[in-house]
């Protein structure tokens, strides 16, 4: 395996430039898809390589259930600095799996808690809560629902309410919660992917902003609704659900809506800053996938050869 087993652990760094530039130069829809795909692949590859290192490290521990031949010198030689890397990978992989499991559990707990809060209301697509605290969010599930409080509706005029409902419907229709959950898990699998999580959280909101503006026919109305909602509310009460006035760069969202609509390009021109960043991220993702595949196949062949028949 050599150094190839370590590359997927650091190759997420190649995605940092596109995480910063995508929101400025790509359509939010394209940015969300690109960054989520890159984050997901890089996270899987780095976790796989950690698991391969754990196999080598665990085989060196006394009393382990693995075949004795898996700790032979020819197996350990496949990993540089196997004594340190193999044993360090064990707690690292445990921490990754625990963090991902906790994030997935929290996501499901939040959805169940929100569904329980709506249990006594009619099963309609819009659930209005009698709460003076203004907030609104999209709740995916068997019945996709928009949750909004009377406090939020009271603070908006008719056009702004249309913008709010259009925004939340886009979140549900485009399944934005899946993008958000993917990047949350990826960021916990590899801390180097946290900038992509932040970027996708923003681009998903911008995606909903732009489609809502197209739906109601007024970018200014959506911008006013976002700004007013952010001023009167504290955002969605649950961080894992997409909300209209979410915590974060609301001024940038408003400024983007007051400017021209973004170009609908899927991939930027090659010889531009964002183009080079996108190709750099694509190259890093490809190398990560090839390195993890090469390491997995190599370790399998070595272990197969070392295992007595």
C-alpha atoms as a PDB file:
ATOM      1  CA  UNK A   1       0.000   0.000   0.000  1.00  0.00           C
ATOM      2  CA  UNK A   2       2.810   2.413   0.831  1.00  0.00           C
ATOM      3  CA  UNK A   3       1.961   6.066   1.168  1.00  0.00           C
ATOM      4  CA  UNK A   4      -1.183   5.598  -0.942  1.00  0.00           C
ATOM      5  CA  UNK A   5      -3.067   4.527   2.175  1.00  0.00           C
ATOM      6  CA  UNK A   6      -2.424   7.929   3.760  1.00  0.00           C
ATOM      7  CA  UNK A   7      -3.359  10.098   0.759  1.00  0.00           C
ATOM      8  CA  UNK A   8      -7.170   9.940   1.195  1.00  0.00           C
ATOM      9  CA  UNK A   9      -6.748  11.263   4.730  1.00  0.00           C
ATOM     10  CA  UNK A  10      -5.300  14.572   3.487  1.00  0.00           C
ATOM     11  CA  UNK A  11      -6.677  14.910  -0.054  1.00  0.00           C
ATOM     12  CA  UNK A  12      -9.824  16.702   1.234  1.00  0.00           C
ATOM     13  CA  UNK A  13      -7.541  19.737   1.394  1.00  0.00           C
ATOM     14  CA  UNK A  14      -7.736  19.893  -2.417  1.00  0.00           C
ATOM     15  CA  UNK A  15     -11.445  20.780  -2.125  1.00  0.00           C
ATOM     16  CA  UNK A  16     -10.942  23.862   0.034  1.00  0.00           C
ATOM     17  CA  UNK A  17     -10.519  26.316  -2.900  1.00  0.00           C
ATOM     18  CA  UNK A  18     -13.735  25.198  -4.621  1.00  0.00           C
ATOM     19  CA  UNK A  19     -15.621  25.319  -1.305  1.00  0.00           C
ATOM     20  CA  UNK A  20     -14.780  29.012  -1.127  1.00  0.00           C
ATOM     21  CA  UNK A  21     -15.259  29.888  -4.796  1.00  0.00           C
ATOM     22  CA  UNK A  22     -18.299  27.802  -5.775  1.00  0.00           C
ATOM     23  CA  UNK A  23     -20.785  30.044  -3.960  1.00  0.00           C
ATOM     24  CA  UNK A  24     -19.457  33.067  -5.856  1.00  0.00           C
ATOM     25  CA  UNK A  25     -19.170  31.660  -9.363  1.00  0.00           C
ATOM     26  CA  UNK A  26     -21.519  28.668  -9.714  1.00  0.00           C
ATOM     27  CA  UNK A  27     -25.274  28.413  -9.656  1.00  0.00           C
ATOM     28  CA  UNK A  28     -26.299  27.337  -6.126  1.00  0.00           C
ATOM     29  CA  UNK A  29     -27.826  24.136  -7.492  1.00  0.00           C
ATOM     30  CA  UNK A  30     -24.576  23.157  -9.228  1.00  0.00           C
ATOM     31  CA  UNK A  31     -22.509  24.160  -6.195  1.00  0.00           C
ATOM     32  CA  UNK A  32     -24.654  22.039  -3.867  1.00  0.00           C
ATOM     33  CA  UNK A  33     -24.418  18.950  -6.052  1.00  0.00           C
ATOM     34  CA  UNK A  34     -20.693  19.358  -6.713  1.00  0.00           C
ATOM     35  CA  UNK A  35     -19.635  20.010  -3.135  1.00  0.00           C
ATOM     36  CA  UNK A  36     -21.866  17.297  -1.686  1.00  0.00           C
ATOM     37  CA  UNK A  37     -20.564  14.720  -4.161  1.00  0.00           C
ATOM     38  CA  UNK A  38     -16.946  15.638  -3.508  1.00  0.00           C
ATOM     39  CA  UNK A  39     -17.461  15.593   0.267  1.00  0.00           C
ATOM     40  CA  UNK A  40     -19.222  12.219   0.194  1.00  0.00           C
ATOM     41  CA  UNK A  41     -16.574  10.488  -1.925  1.00  0.00           C
ATOM     42  CA  UNK A  42     -13.660  11.949   0.021  1.00  0.00           C
ATOM     43  CA  UNK A  43     -15.248  10.951   3.343  1.00  0.00           C
ATOM     44  CA  UNK A  44     -15.838   7.364   2.237  1.00  0.00           C
ATOM     45  CA  UNK A  45     -12.277   7.051   0.921  1.00  0.00           C
ATOM     46  CA  UNK A  46     -10.646   8.425   4.068  1.00  0.00           C
ATOM     47  CA  UNK A  47     -12.787   6.195   6.296  1.00  0.00           C
ATOM     48  CA  UNK A  48     -11.911   3.140   4.192  1.00  0.00           C
ATOM     49  CA  UNK A  49      -8.194   3.853   4.500  1.00  0.00           C
ATOM     50  CA  UNK A  50      -8.538   4.298   8.256  1.00  0.00           C
ATOM     51  CA  UNK A  51     -10.220   0.889   8.374  1.00  0.00           C
ATOM     52  CA  UNK A  52      -7.353  -0.669   6.406  1.00  0.00           C
ATOM     53  CA  UNK A  53      -4.853   0.789   8.861  1.00  0.00           C
ATOM     54  CA  UNK A  54      -6.935  -0.565  11.732  1.00  0.00           C
ATOM     55  CA  UNK A  55      -6.674  -4.089  10.315  1.00  0.00           C
ATOM     56  CA  UNK A  56      -2.886  -3.876  10.332  1.00  0.00           C
ATOM     57  CA  UNK A  57      -2.811  -2.223  13.753  1.00  0.00           C
ATOM     58  CA  UNK A  58      -5.280  -4.633  15.344  1.00  0.00           C
ATOM     59  CA  UNK A  59      -3.347  -7.661  14.088  1.00  0.00           C
ATOM     60  CA  UNK A  60      -0.378  -6.496  16.184  1.00  0.00           C
ATOM     61  CA  UNK A  61      -2.344  -6.417  19.444  1.00  0.00           C
ATOM     62  CA  UNK A  62      -1.995  -9.449  21.723  1.00  0.00           C
ATOM     63  CA  UNK A  63      -5.114 -11.570  22.067  1.00  0.00           C
ATOM     64  CA  UNK A  64      -6.814 -10.237  18.943  1.00  0.00           C
ATOM     65  CA  UNK A  65      -9.144 -12.634  17.066  1.00  0.00           C
ATOM     66  CA  UNK A  66      -7.426 -12.117  13.707  1.00  0.00           C
ATOM     67  CA  UNK A  67      -5.188 -14.804  12.138  1.00  0.00           C
ATOM     68  CA  UNK A  68      -1.644 -14.742  13.534  1.00  0.00           C
ATOM     69  CA  UNK A  69      -0.213 -14.519  10.030  1.00  0.00           C
ATOM     70  CA  UNK A  70      -1.776 -11.068   9.627  1.00  0.00           C
ATOM     71  CA  UNK A  71       0.874  -9.662  11.958  1.00  0.00           C
ATOM     72  CA  UNK A  72       3.786 -11.137   9.958  1.00  0.00           C
ATOM     73  CA  UNK A  73       6.543  -8.720   8.863  1.00  0.00           C
ATOM     74  CA  UNK A  74       5.532  -8.851   5.188  1.00  0.00           C
ATOM     75  CA  UNK A  75       2.063  -7.614   6.144  1.00  0.00           C
ATOM     76  CA  UNK A  76       3.379  -4.819   8.350  1.00  0.00           C
ATOM     77  CA  UNK A  77       5.779  -3.721   5.624  1.00  0.00           C
ATOM     78  CA  UNK A  78       2.786  -2.754   3.494  1.00  0.00           C
ATOM     79  CA  UNK A  79       2.189   0.237   5.791  1.00  0.00           C
ATOM     80  CA  UNK A  80       4.920   2.833   6.439  1.00  0.00           C
ATOM     81  CA  UNK A  81       5.535   3.270  10.182  1.00  0.00           C
ATOM     82  CA  UNK A  82       3.032   0.475  10.846  1.00  0.00           C
ATOM     83  CA  UNK A  83       3.665   0.427  14.605  1.00  0.00           C
ATOM     84  CA  UNK A  84       2.483   4.018  14.991  1.00  0.00           C
ATOM     85  CA  UNK A  85       0.018   4.349  12.097  1.00  0.00           C
ATOM     86  CA  UNK A  86      -1.763   1.065  12.722  1.00  0.00           C
ATOM     87  CA  UNK A  87      -2.357   1.589  16.420  1.00  0.00           C
ATOM     88  CA  UNK A  88      -3.193   5.285  16.073  1.00  0.00           C
ATOM     89  CA  UNK A  89      -5.831   4.433  13.472  1.00  0.00           C
ATOM     90  CA  UNK A  90      -7.793   2.299  15.951  1.00  0.00           C
ATOM     91  CA  UNK A  91      -9.015   5.115  18.231  1.00  0.00           C
ATOM     92  CA  UNK A  92      -9.303   7.420  15.213  1.00  0.00           C
ATOM     93  CA  UNK A  93     -11.714   5.069  13.441  1.00  0.00           C
ATOM     94  CA  UNK A  94     -13.697   4.540  16.642  1.00  0.00           C
ATOM     95  CA  UNK A  95     -14.012   8.312  17.013  1.00  0.00           C
ATOM     96  CA  UNK A  96     -15.142   8.683  13.373  1.00  0.00           C
ATOM     97  CA  UNK A  97     -17.785   5.964  13.650  1.00  0.00           C
ATOM     98  CA  UNK A  98     -19.031   7.336  16.968  1.00  0.00           C
ATOM     99  CA  UNK A  99     -19.265  10.892  15.588  1.00  0.00           C
ATOM    100  CA  UNK A 100     -21.119   9.760  12.463  1.00  0.00           C
ATOM    101  CA  UNK A 101     -23.492   7.576  14.463  1.00  0.00           C
ATOM    102  CA  UNK A 102     -24.198  10.459  16.836  1.00  0.00           C
ATOM    103  CA  UNK A 103     -24.896  12.834  13.931  1.00  0.00           C
ATOM    104  CA  UNK A 104     -27.259  10.355  12.252  1.00  0.00           C
ATOM    105  CA  UNK A 105     -29.002   9.623  15.569  1.00  0.00           C
ATOM    106  CA  UNK A 106     -29.396  13.334  16.311  1.00  0.00           C
ATOM    107  CA  UNK A 107     -30.844  13.923  12.849  1.00  0.00           C
ATOM    108  CA  UNK A 108     -33.453  11.210  13.362  1.00  0.00           C
ATOM    109  CA  UNK A 109     -34.201  12.362  16.904  1.00  0.00           C
ATOM    110  CA  UNK A 110     -34.811  15.913  15.716  1.00  0.00           C
ATOM    111  CA  UNK A 111     -37.201  14.732  13.011  1.00  0.00           C
ATOM    112  CA  UNK A 112     -39.102  12.498  15.429  1.00  0.00           C
ATOM    113  CA  UNK A 113     -39.347  15.282  17.995  1.00  0.00           C
ATOM    114  CA  UNK A 114     -40.647  17.699  15.382  1.00  0.00           C
ATOM    115  CA  UNK A 115     -43.200  15.143  14.154  1.00  0.00           C
ATOM    116  CA  UNK A 116     -44.412  14.556  17.713  1.00  0.00           C
ATOM    117  CA  UNK A 117     -44.887  18.293  18.168  1.00  0.00           C
ATOM    118  CA  UNK A 118     -47.217  18.284  15.160  1.00  0.00           C
ATOM    119  CA  UNK A 119     -49.131  15.153  16.164  1.00  0.00           C
ATOM    120  CA  UNK A 120     -52.273  17.020  17.216  1.00  0.00           C
ATOM    121  CA  UNK A 121     -52.500  19.187  14.083  1.00  0.00           C
ATOM    122  CA  UNK A 122     -54.345  18.348  10.846  1.00  0.00           C
ATOM    123  CA  UNK A 123     -52.253  16.355   8.348  1.00  0.00           C
ATOM    124  CA  UNK A 124     -51.834  19.220   5.899  1.00  0.00           C
ATOM    125  CA  UNK A 125     -48.742  20.308   3.981  1.00  0.00           C
ATOM    126  CA  UNK A 126     -48.550  23.523   6.018  1.00  0.00           C
ATOM    127  CA  UNK A 127     -48.621  23.259   9.801  1.00  0.00           C
ATOM    128  CA  UNK A 128     -49.238  26.565  11.600  1.00  0.00           C
ATOM    129  CA  UNK A 129     -48.135  26.524  15.234  1.00  0.00           C
ATOM    130  CA  UNK A 130     -49.746  28.977  17.664  1.00  0.00           C
ATOM    131  CA  UNK A 131     -46.443  30.363  18.839  1.00  0.00           C
ATOM    132  CA  UNK A 132     -45.448  34.010  19.108  1.00  0.00           C
ATOM    133  CA  UNK A 133     -41.802  33.141  18.466  1.00  0.00           C
ATOM    134  CA  UNK A 134     -41.294  33.641  14.708  1.00  0.00           C
ATOM    135  CA  UNK A 135     -39.666  30.758  12.835  1.00  0.00           C
ATOM    136  CA  UNK A 136     -40.301  28.466   9.878  1.00  0.00           C
ATOM    137  CA  UNK A 137     -38.682  25.304   8.587  1.00  0.00           C
ATOM    138  CA  UNK A 138     -39.183  22.372   6.222  1.00  0.00           C
ATOM    139  CA  UNK A 139     -39.886  18.999   7.812  1.00  0.00           C
ATOM    140  CA  UNK A 140     -39.289  16.032   5.471  1.00  0.00           C
ATOM    141  CA  UNK A 141     -40.981  12.731   6.200  1.00  0.00           C
ATOM    142  CA  UNK A 142     -43.784  10.469   5.048  1.00  0.00           C
ATOM    143  CA  UNK A 143     -45.786  13.657   4.657  1.00  0.00           C
ATOM    144  CA  UNK A 144     -43.485  16.536   3.788  1.00  0.00           C
ATOM    145  CA  UNK A 145     -44.615  19.544   5.760  1.00  0.00           C
ATOM    146  CA  UNK A 146     -43.836  23.221   6.137  1.00  0.00           C
ATOM    147  CA  UNK A 147     -43.874  24.318   9.768  1.00  0.00           C
ATOM    148  CA  UNK A 148     -44.468  27.998  10.461  1.00  0.00           C
ATOM    149  CA  UNK A 149     -45.569  29.892  13.543  1.00  0.00           C
ATOM    150  CA  UNK A 150     -48.215  32.550  13.857  1.00  0.00           C
ATOM    151  CA  UNK A 151     -45.465  34.883  15.017  1.00  0.00           C
ATOM    152  CA  UNK A 152     -43.627  34.502  11.709  1.00  0.00           C
ATOM    153  CA  UNK A 153     -46.758  34.961   9.610  1.00  0.00           C
ATOM    154  CA  UNK A 154     -47.708  38.081  11.570  1.00  0.00           C
ATOM    155  CA  UNK A 155     -44.360  39.686  10.747  1.00  0.00           C
ATOM    156  CA  UNK A 156     -44.647  39.256   6.961  1.00  0.00           C
ATOM    157  CA  UNK A 157     -46.947  40.742   4.366  1.00  0.00           C
ATOM    158  CA  UNK A 158     -48.788  38.652   1.758  1.00  0.00           C
ATOM    159  CA  UNK A 159     -45.989  38.675  -0.835  1.00  0.00           C
ATOM    160  CA  UNK A 160     -43.360  37.813   1.733  1.00  0.00           C
ATOM    161  CA  UNK A 161     -45.468  34.906   2.988  1.00  0.00           C
ATOM    162  CA  UNK A 162     -45.614  33.571  -0.564  1.00  0.00           C
ATOM    163  CA  UNK A 163     -41.827  33.820  -0.705  1.00  0.00           C
ATOM    164  CA  UNK A 164     -41.515  31.947   2.582  1.00  0.00           C
ATOM    165  CA  UNK A 165     -43.754  29.080   1.472  1.00  0.00           C
ATOM    166  CA  UNK A 166     -42.072  28.878  -1.941  1.00  0.00           C
ATOM    167  CA  UNK A 167     -38.649  28.704  -0.281  1.00  0.00           C
ATOM    168  CA  UNK A 168     -39.645  25.891   2.064  1.00  0.00           C
ATOM    169  CA  UNK A 169     -41.373  23.941  -0.720  1.00  0.00           C
ATOM    170  CA  UNK A 170     -38.139  24.012  -2.702  1.00  0.00           C
ATOM    171  CA  UNK A 171     -36.265  22.591   0.294  1.00  0.00           C
ATOM    172  CA  UNK A 172     -38.707  19.693   0.387  1.00  0.00           C
ATOM    173  CA  UNK A 173     -38.998  19.133  -3.348  1.00  0.00           C
ATOM    174  CA  UNK A 174     -35.228  19.105  -3.924  1.00  0.00           C
ATOM    175  CA  UNK A 175     -34.590  16.945  -0.816  1.00  0.00           C
ATOM    176  CA  UNK A 176     -32.103  19.410   0.636  1.00  0.00           C
ATOM    177  CA  UNK A 177     -32.066  17.566   3.953  1.00  0.00           C
ATOM    178  CA  UNK A 178     -30.198  14.727   2.232  1.00  0.00           C
ATOM    179  CA  UNK A 179     -27.461  17.062   1.043  1.00  0.00           C
ATOM    180  CA  UNK A 180     -27.161  18.579   4.509  1.00  0.00           C
ATOM    181  CA  UNK A 181     -26.999  15.191   6.229  1.00  0.00           C
ATOM    182  CA  UNK A 182     -24.379  13.929   3.761  1.00  0.00           C
ATOM    183  CA  UNK A 183     -22.021  16.833   4.384  1.00  0.00           C
ATOM    184  CA  UNK A 184     -22.609  16.646   8.139  1.00  0.00           C
ATOM    185  CA  UNK A 185     -21.541  12.997   8.154  1.00  0.00           C
ATOM    186  CA  UNK A 186     -18.616  13.765   5.837  1.00  0.00           C
ATOM    187  CA  UNK A 187     -17.360  16.527   8.125  1.00  0.00           C
ATOM    188  CA  UNK A 188     -17.402  14.125  11.056  1.00  0.00           C
ATOM    189  CA  UNK A 189     -15.617  11.437   9.070  1.00  0.00           C
ATOM    190  CA  UNK A 190     -12.823  13.852   8.159  1.00  0.00           C
ATOM    191  CA  UNK A 191     -12.412  17.277   9.821  1.00  0.00           C
ATOM    192  CA  UNK A 192     -10.766  18.613   6.645  1.00  0.00           C
ATOM    193  CA  UNK A 193     -14.225  18.492   5.024  1.00  0.00           C
ATOM    194  CA  UNK A 194     -15.809  21.026   7.382  1.00  0.00           C
ATOM    195  CA  UNK A 195     -15.452  23.929   4.902  1.00  0.00           C
ATOM    196  CA  UNK A 196     -17.542  21.918   2.425  1.00  0.00           C
ATOM    197  CA  UNK A 197     -20.247  21.424   5.049  1.00  0.00           C
ATOM    198  CA  UNK A 198     -20.406  25.172   5.628  1.00  0.00           C
ATOM    199  CA  UNK A 199     -20.462  25.870   1.889  1.00  0.00           C
ATOM    200  CA  UNK A 200     -23.268  23.366   1.196  1.00  0.00           C
ATOM    201  CA  UNK A 201     -25.370  24.725   4.067  1.00  0.00           C
ATOM    202  CA  UNK A 202     -25.157  28.139   2.413  1.00  0.00           C
ATOM    203  CA  UNK A 203     -25.576  26.976  -1.205  1.00  0.00           C
ATOM    204  CA  UNK A 204     -28.677  24.919  -0.345  1.00  0.00           C
ATOM    205  CA  UNK A 205     -30.296  28.043   1.092  1.00  0.00           C
ATOM    206  CA  UNK A 206     -29.256  30.044  -1.972  1.00  0.00           C
ATOM    207  CA  UNK A 207     -30.699  27.317  -4.216  1.00  0.00           C
ATOM    208  CA  UNK A 208     -34.043  27.608  -2.444  1.00  0.00           C
ATOM    209  CA  UNK A 209     -33.816  31.418  -2.585  1.00  0.00           C
ATOM    210  CA  UNK A 210     -33.283  31.453  -6.355  1.00  0.00           C
ATOM    211  CA  UNK A 211     -36.033  28.963  -7.174  1.00  0.00           C
ATOM    212  CA  UNK A 212     -38.429  30.758  -4.846  1.00  0.00           C
ATOM    213  CA  UNK A 213     -37.655  34.037  -6.636  1.00  0.00           C
ATOM    214  CA  UNK A 214     -38.343  32.384  -9.991  1.00  0.00           C
ATOM    215  CA  UNK A 215     -41.593  30.890  -8.676  1.00  0.00           C
ATOM    216  CA  UNK A 216     -43.073  34.121  -7.335  1.00  0.00           C
ATOM    217  CA  UNK A 217     -41.471  36.306 -10.021  1.00  0.00           C
ATOM    218  CA  UNK A 218     -39.716  38.783  -7.722  1.00  0.00           C
ATOM    219  CA  UNK A 219     -36.163  38.519  -6.431  1.00  0.00           C
ATOM    220  CA  UNK A 220     -36.669  41.674  -4.371  1.00  0.00           C
ATOM    221  CA  UNK A 221     -39.652  40.217  -2.503  1.00  0.00           C
ATOM    222  CA  UNK A 222     -37.681  37.124  -1.527  1.00  0.00           C
ATOM    223  CA  UNK A 223     -34.759  39.295  -0.419  1.00  0.00           C
ATOM    224  CA  UNK A 224     -37.054  41.456   1.716  1.00  0.00           C
ATOM    225  CA  UNK A 225     -38.713  38.387   3.211  1.00  0.00           C
ATOM    226  CA  UNK A 226     -35.359  36.844   4.146  1.00  0.00           C
ATOM    227  CA  UNK A 227     -34.053  40.062   5.673  1.00  0.00           C
ATOM    228  CA  UNK A 228     -37.232  40.744   7.626  1.00  0.00           C
ATOM    229  CA  UNK A 229     -37.476  37.146   8.850  1.00  0.00           C
ATOM    230  CA  UNK A 230     -33.879  37.193  10.014  1.00  0.00           C
ATOM    231  CA  UNK A 231     -34.498  40.380  11.976  1.00  0.00           C
ATOM    232  CA  UNK A 232     -37.585  39.136  13.777  1.00  0.00           C
ATOM    233  CA  UNK A 233     -36.659  35.497  14.291  1.00  0.00           C
ATOM    234  CA  UNK A 234     -33.945  33.325  15.741  1.00  0.00           C
ATOM    235  CA  UNK A 235     -34.008  30.966  12.775  1.00  0.00           C
ATOM    236  CA  UNK A 236     -35.201  27.389  12.734  1.00  0.00           C
ATOM    237  CA  UNK A 237     -35.161  25.971  16.278  1.00  0.00           C
ATOM    238  CA  UNK A 238     -33.499  22.792  15.063  1.00  0.00           C
ATOM    239  CA  UNK A 239     -30.157  23.073  13.321  1.00  0.00           C
ATOM    240  CA  UNK A 240     -30.465  19.916  11.230  1.00  0.00           C
ATOM    241  CA  UNK A 241     -33.594  21.091   9.408  1.00  0.00           C
ATOM    242  CA  UNK A 242     -33.612  23.630   6.601  1.00  0.00           C
ATOM    243  CA  UNK A 243     -35.144  26.914   7.673  1.00  0.00           C
ATOM    244  CA  UNK A 244     -36.132  30.137   5.956  1.00  0.00           C
ATOM    245  CA  UNK A 245     -34.247  32.484   8.254  1.00  0.00           C
ATOM    246  CA  UNK A 246     -31.391  30.207   9.204  1.00  0.00           C
ATOM    247  CA  UNK A 247     -28.435  31.374  11.222  1.00  0.00           C
ATOM    248  CA  UNK A 248     -25.576  32.333   8.935  1.00  0.00           C
ATOM    249  CA  UNK A 249     -24.736  34.784   6.142  1.00  0.00           C
ATOM    250  CA  UNK A 250     -28.201  36.291   5.627  1.00  0.00           C
ATOM    251  CA  UNK A 251     -26.732  39.611   4.314  1.00  0.00           C
ATOM    252  CA  UNK A 252     -24.923  37.696   1.552  1.00  0.00           C
ATOM    253  CA  UNK A 253     -28.139  35.913   0.580  1.00  0.00           C
ATOM    254  CA  UNK A 254     -30.008  39.210   0.445  1.00  0.00           C
ATOM    255  CA  UNK A 255     -27.232  40.884  -1.559  1.00  0.00           C
ATOM    256  CA  UNK A 256     -27.187  37.996  -4.037  1.00  0.00           C
ATOM    257  CA  UNK A 257     -30.946  38.283  -4.584  1.00  0.00           C
ATOM    258  CA  UNK A 258     -30.737  42.033  -5.116  1.00  0.00           C
ATOM    259  CA  UNK A 259     -28.129  41.431  -7.823  1.00  0.00           C
ATOM    260  CA  UNK A 260     -28.523  39.654 -11.172  1.00  0.00           C
ATOM    261  CA  UNK A 261     -29.586  36.012 -11.285  1.00  0.00           C
ATOM    262  CA  UNK A 262     -26.645  33.571 -11.302  1.00  0.00           C
ATOM    263  CA  UNK A 263     -25.630  31.893 -14.539  1.00  0.00           C
ATOM    264  CA  UNK A 264     -27.025  28.400 -14.903  1.00  0.00           C
ATOM    265  CA  UNK A 265     -23.718  26.784 -15.847  1.00  0.00           C
ATOM    266  CA  UNK A 266     -23.069  23.302 -14.479  1.00  0.00           C
ATOM    267  CA  UNK A 267     -19.268  23.436 -14.763  1.00  0.00           C
ATOM    268  CA  UNK A 268     -17.092  26.564 -14.881  1.00  0.00           C
ATOM    269  CA  UNK A 269     -14.678  27.362 -17.736  1.00  0.00           C
ATOM    270  CA  UNK A 270     -11.325  25.612 -17.286  1.00  0.00           C
ATOM    271  CA  UNK A 271      -9.000  28.597 -17.450  1.00  0.00           C
ATOM    272  CA  UNK A 272     -10.575  30.583 -14.634  1.00  0.00           C
ATOM    273  CA  UNK A 273      -9.915  30.609 -10.920  1.00  0.00           C
ATOM    274  CA  UNK A 274     -13.066  28.701 -10.100  1.00  0.00           C
ATOM    275  CA  UNK A 275     -12.472  26.348 -13.035  1.00  0.00           C
ATOM    276  CA  UNK A 276      -9.006  25.451 -11.797  1.00  0.00           C
ATOM    277  CA  UNK A 277     -10.375  25.001  -8.280  1.00  0.00           C
ATOM    278  CA  UNK A 278     -13.137  22.707  -9.553  1.00  0.00           C
ATOM    279  CA  UNK A 279     -10.704  20.587 -11.559  1.00  0.00           C
ATOM    280  CA  UNK A 280      -8.349  20.504  -8.581  1.00  0.00           C
ATOM    281  CA  UNK A 281     -11.151  19.151  -6.391  1.00  0.00           C
ATOM    282  CA  UNK A 282     -12.127  16.643  -9.076  1.00  0.00           C
ATOM    283  CA  UNK A 283      -8.517  15.503  -9.398  1.00  0.00           C
ATOM    284  CA  UNK A 284      -8.134  15.198  -5.625  1.00  0.00           C
ATOM    285  CA  UNK A 285     -11.349  13.180  -5.412  1.00  0.00           C
ATOM    286  CA  UNK A 286     -10.234  10.873  -8.237  1.00  0.00           C
ATOM    287  CA  UNK A 287      -6.798  10.317  -6.710  1.00  0.00           C
ATOM    288  CA  UNK A 288      -8.419   9.627  -3.347  1.00  0.00           C
ATOM    289  CA  UNK A 289     -10.747   7.027  -4.862  1.00  0.00           C
ATOM    290  CA  UNK A 290      -7.913   5.351  -6.778  1.00  0.00           C
ATOM    291  CA  UNK A 291      -5.596   5.389  -3.750  1.00  0.00           C
ATOM    292  CA  UNK A 292      -8.189   3.843  -1.441  1.00  0.00           C
ATOM    293  CA  UNK A 293      -9.096   1.206  -4.043  1.00  0.00           C
ATOM    294  CA  UNK A 294      -5.424   0.398  -4.626  1.00  0.00           C
ATOM    295  CA  UNK A 295      -4.786   0.116  -0.890  1.00  0.00           C
ATOM    296  CA  UNK A 296      -7.806  -2.111  -0.326  1.00  0.00           C
ATOM    297  CA  UNK A 297      -6.902  -4.492  -3.158  1.00  0.00           C
ATOM    298  CA  UNK A 298      -3.230  -4.581  -2.157  1.00  0.00           C
ATOM    299  CA  UNK A 299      -3.992  -5.344   1.492  1.00  0.00           C
ATOM    300  CA  UNK A 300      -6.494  -8.017   0.487  1.00  0.00           C
ATOM    301  CA  UNK A 301      -3.931  -9.751  -1.701  1.00  0.00           C
ATOM    302  CA  UNK A 302      -1.230  -9.531   0.989  1.00  0.00           C
ATOM    303  CA  UNK A 303      -3.537 -10.911   3.687  1.00  0.00           C
ATOM    304  CA  UNK A 304      -4.764 -13.644   1.359  1.00  0.00           C
ATOM    305  CA  UNK A 305      -1.182 -14.688   0.595  1.00  0.00           C
ATOM    306  CA  UNK A 306      -0.219 -14.610   4.295  1.00  0.00           C
ATOM    307  CA  UNK A 307      -3.226 -16.593   5.514  1.00  0.00           C
ATOM    308  CA  UNK A 308      -2.521 -20.343   5.720  1.00  0.00           C
ATOM    309  CA  UNK A 309      -4.890 -22.497   3.707  1.00  0.00           C
END
